[in-house]
Amino acid sequence: MSDEPRKGGYIPQAWLVILLALFYGAALAGTQTALGPRIEENKKNETYAVIPQLVEGASQEQTKAVVVTGQNGNEQPVYQARAADGTLQGWVLPAQGQGFADRIDLLIGVTPDVSTIVGLYVLDQKETPGLGALITGTKFQNQFRGISTDQPVVVVTSEPQAGQIRALTGATISSDSVADIVNQTIANLKEPIRKLER
């Protein structure tokens, strides 16, 4: 048997692999195009449903989205969490950033003056099951409640003090990622939101 490549190279030999790659690539693109709007609508509905859990006293029906121009110059929707009588109870800030495995989408609840975090909710994540995926747990998320926005949230592996959260065992990168997303979002939106209320 000869070691010499057959005439015409490897492309004729690889036609099936190329054809399958093109077919599956087109199928994935079509699925994303078809389902993308539905996925976004489901995220929006989930956001409105979870707002009363993030901001105590907020009414899903009275909550409305407003667009804020962040410190980075980009426009971003935020949610005014209002009580049934229309009183502002706080804000919910959508946030996203890179985790260990993929993008993490968060909702951050803050007080009306954006001085304190009152809740955190992981809207979407694809972190490692059993490790980083534990960022969706109530125990991890509740650590953010009551933290002042005056200083960045710090992740520690020992017993946390004020302004700190304890990292998930075996998932320090995911824990750091969530804290970084929270810190960047608050730094970007804190002053622009405060200007809205003046």
Protein backbone atom coordinates (compact mmCIF):
# COMPACT_ATOMS: atom_id res chain seq x y z
CA MET A 1 0.00 0.00 0.00
CA SER A 2 1.39 3.40 -0.97
CA ASP A 3 1.83 6.24 1.55
CA GLU A 4 1.46 8.83 -1.21
CA PRO A 5 -1.72 10.96 -1.05
CA ARG A 6 -4.28 10.15 -3.69
CA LYS A 7 -4.57 12.52 -6.64
CA GLY A 8 -6.83 15.48 -5.98
CA GLY A 9 -5.88 15.82 -2.29
CA TYR A 10 -8.09 15.27 0.73
CA ILE A 11 -11.08 17.44 -0.23
CA PRO A 12 -12.72 14.75 -2.38
CA GLN A 13 -12.24 12.29 0.47
CA ALA A 14 -13.74 14.69 3.04
CA TRP A 15 -16.92 15.62 1.14
CA LEU A 16 -19.23 13.96 3.64
CA VAL A 17 -17.66 15.70 6.65
CA ILE A 18 -17.87 19.09 4.89
CA LEU A 19 -21.47 18.47 3.83
CA LEU A 20 -22.51 17.46 7.37
CA ALA A 21 -20.74 20.48 8.90
CA LEU A 22 -22.56 22.83 6.53
CA PHE A 23 -25.90 21.11 7.18
CA TYR A 24 -25.62 21.19 10.99
CA GLY A 25 -24.26 24.74 10.98
CA ALA A 26 -27.24 25.89 8.92
CA ALA A 27 -29.63 23.96 11.20
CA LEU A 28 -28.19 25.60 14.33
CA ALA A 29 -28.32 29.07 12.77
CA GLY A 30 -31.93 28.48 11.70
CA THR A 31 -32.93 27.27 15.15
CA GLN A 32 -31.34 30.32 16.80
CA THR A 33 -33.06 32.66 14.34
CA ALA A 34 -36.42 30.97 14.85
CA LEU A 35 -36.28 30.62 18.64
CA GLY A 36 -34.21 33.72 19.56
CA PRO A 37 -37.22 36.05 20.00
CA ARG A 38 -39.08 33.44 22.07
CA ILE A 39 -36.04 32.93 24.33
CA GLU A 40 -35.76 36.69 24.89
CA GLU A 41 -39.50 36.94 25.63
CA ASN A 42 -39.20 34.11 28.18
CA LYS A 43 -36.26 35.89 29.87
CA LYS A 44 -38.29 39.11 30.02
CA ASN A 45 -41.27 37.28 31.57
CA GLU A 46 -38.97 35.57 34.09
CA THR A 47 -37.45 38.95 34.97
CA TYR A 48 -40.87 40.47 35.75
CA ALA A 49 -41.87 37.37 37.72
CA VAL A 50 -38.77 37.45 39.96
CA ILE A 51 -38.75 41.22 40.67
CA PRO A 52 -41.05 40.93 43.75
CA GLN A 53 -38.56 38.41 45.20
CA LEU A 54 -35.60 40.70 44.58
CA VAL A 55 -37.13 43.93 45.88
CA GLU A 56 -39.42 43.56 48.87
CA GLY A 57 -42.77 45.26 48.41
CA ALA A 58 -42.47 45.51 44.63
CA SER A 59 -45.47 44.74 42.47
CA GLN A 60 -44.96 42.96 39.17
CA GLU A 61 -47.80 44.98 37.62
CA GLN A 62 -46.37 48.37 38.68
CA THR A 63 -42.80 47.62 37.61
CA LYS A 64 -41.68 49.30 34.42
CA ALA A 65 -38.52 49.32 32.35
CA VAL A 66 -36.63 52.55 31.70
CA VAL A 67 -33.54 53.07 29.60
CA VAL A 68 -30.46 54.49 31.31
CA THR A 69 -27.22 55.62 29.71
CA GLY A 70 -24.46 54.07 31.80
CA GLN A 71 -21.09 55.57 32.68
CA ASN A 72 -19.68 53.58 29.73
CA GLY A 73 -21.94 55.52 27.33
CA ASN A 74 -24.13 52.53 26.44
CA GLU A 75 -27.89 52.53 26.89
CA GLN A 76 -29.30 49.78 29.08
CA PRO A 77 -32.78 48.99 30.34
CA VAL A 78 -33.28 48.88 34.11
CA TYR A 79 -36.47 48.17 36.03
CA GLN A 80 -38.20 50.52 38.45
CA ALA A 81 -39.60 48.19 41.11
CA ARG A 82 -42.69 49.94 42.43
CA ALA A 83 -45.24 49.01 45.07
CA ALA A 84 -48.93 48.58 44.22
CA ASP A 85 -49.48 52.27 45.11
CA GLY A 86 -46.68 53.36 42.74
CA THR A 87 -44.05 54.07 45.41
CA LEU A 88 -40.51 53.30 44.26
CA GLN A 89 -39.23 50.32 46.26
CA GLY A 90 -35.94 49.83 44.42
CA TRP A 91 -34.33 49.01 41.12
CA VAL A 92 -33.53 45.79 39.30
CA LEU A 93 -30.43 45.90 37.14
CA PRO A 94 -29.95 43.30 34.40
CA ALA A 95 -26.28 42.32 34.15
CA GLN A 96 -24.16 39.92 32.19
CA GLY A 97 -20.56 38.86 31.91
CA GLN A 98 -18.23 35.99 31.29
CA GLY A 99 -18.24 33.07 33.72
CA PHE A 100 -15.95 30.06 33.80
CA ALA A 101 -17.78 28.19 31.02
CA ASP A 102 -19.98 30.76 29.29
CA ARG A 103 -21.94 33.97 29.79
CA ILE A 104 -23.78 34.53 33.09
CA ASP A 105 -26.95 36.67 33.14
CA LEU A 106 -27.93 38.22 36.48
CA LEU A 107 -30.63 40.42 37.96
CA ILE A 108 -29.43 42.67 40.80
CA GLY A 109 -31.96 44.24 43.16
CA VAL A 110 -30.92 47.50 44.85
CA THR A 111 -32.53 50.08 47.12
CA PRO A 112 -34.14 53.23 45.61
CA ASP A 113 -30.94 55.24 46.22
CA VAL A 114 -28.77 52.38 44.86
CA SER A 115 -26.85 52.27 48.15
CA THR A 116 -27.47 48.62 49.08
CA ILE A 117 -27.93 45.33 47.27
CA VAL A 118 -31.24 43.76 48.31
CA GLY A 119 -31.27 40.70 46.07
CA LEU A 120 -29.50 38.71 43.39
CA TYR A 121 -30.94 36.25 40.88
CA VAL A 122 -29.12 34.18 38.25
CA LEU A 123 -31.25 34.42 35.12
CA ASP A 124 -29.06 32.20 32.92
CA GLN A 125 -25.77 30.31 33.28
CA LYS A 126 -23.93 27.35 31.82
CA GLU A 127 -21.37 26.78 34.55
CA THR A 128 -20.05 23.35 35.52
CA PRO A 129 -22.86 21.22 37.03
CA GLY A 130 -22.31 20.52 40.73
CA LEU A 131 -19.65 23.24 41.01
CA GLY A 132 -20.07 26.62 39.31
CA ALA A 133 -23.75 25.95 38.63
CA LEU A 134 -24.29 26.29 42.40
CA ILE A 135 -24.34 30.07 41.84
CA THR A 136 -28.06 29.52 41.26
CA GLY A 137 -28.48 28.35 44.85
CA THR A 138 -30.30 30.48 47.40
CA LYS A 139 -27.44 30.16 49.90
CA PHE A 140 -24.92 31.70 47.50
CA GLN A 141 -27.25 34.41 46.20
CA ASN A 142 -28.44 35.47 49.67
CA GLN A 143 -24.86 36.43 50.58
CA PHE A 144 -25.27 39.57 48.44
CA ARG A 145 -28.26 40.87 50.43
CA GLY A 146 -27.42 43.89 52.54
CA ILE A 147 -24.03 44.58 50.94
CA SER A 148 -23.30 48.28 50.49
CA THR A 149 -22.63 49.50 46.96
CA ASP A 150 -20.04 51.99 48.24
CA GLN A 151 -17.27 49.38 47.93
CA PRO A 152 -16.85 46.51 45.46
CA VAL A 153 -18.02 43.06 46.57
CA VAL A 154 -15.00 40.92 47.54
CA VAL A 155 -14.89 37.12 47.26
CA VAL A 156 -13.08 35.24 50.04
CA THR A 157 -12.50 31.56 50.79
CA SER A 158 -12.68 32.03 54.57
CA GLU A 159 -15.46 33.40 56.77
CA PRO A 160 -16.79 36.56 55.05
CA GLN A 161 -16.86 39.96 56.72
CA ALA A 162 -18.93 43.00 55.73
CA GLY A 163 -18.90 43.56 51.97
CA GLN A 164 -17.60 40.05 51.30
CA ILE A 165 -19.10 36.81 50.05
CA ARG A 166 -17.76 33.30 50.49
CA ALA A 167 -16.67 31.56 47.28
CA LEU A 168 -18.29 28.29 46.33
CA THR A 169 -15.97 25.37 47.09
CA GLY A 170 -14.34 24.23 43.86
CA ALA A 171 -15.88 27.11 41.91
CA THR A 172 -13.89 30.19 42.85
CA ILE A 173 -13.82 31.41 39.23
CA SER A 174 -17.63 31.29 38.96
CA SER A 175 -17.96 33.07 42.33
CA ASP A 176 -15.44 35.74 41.25
CA SER A 177 -17.26 36.14 37.94
CA VAL A 178 -20.60 36.84 39.65
CA ALA A 179 -18.97 39.38 42.00
CA ASP A 180 -17.19 41.07 39.07
CA ILE A 181 -20.43 41.31 37.09
CA VAL A 182 -22.20 42.84 40.11
CA ASN A 183 -19.36 45.32 40.75
CA GLN A 184 -19.10 46.42 37.11
CA THR A 185 -22.86 46.82 36.69
CA ILE A 186 -23.29 48.88 39.85
CA ALA A 187 -20.28 51.06 39.03
CA ASN A 188 -21.72 51.65 35.55
CA LEU A 189 -25.33 52.39 36.54
CA LYS A 190 -25.29 53.78 40.10
CA GLU A 191 -24.88 57.48 39.32
CA PRO A 192 -27.03 57.51 36.15
CA ILE A 193 -29.92 55.93 38.11
CA ARG A 194 -29.50 58.41 40.95
CA LYS A 195 -29.74 61.26 38.42
CA LEU A 196 -33.08 59.88 37.21
CA GLU A 197 -34.59 60.37 40.65
CA ARG A 198 -33.43 63.98 41.09
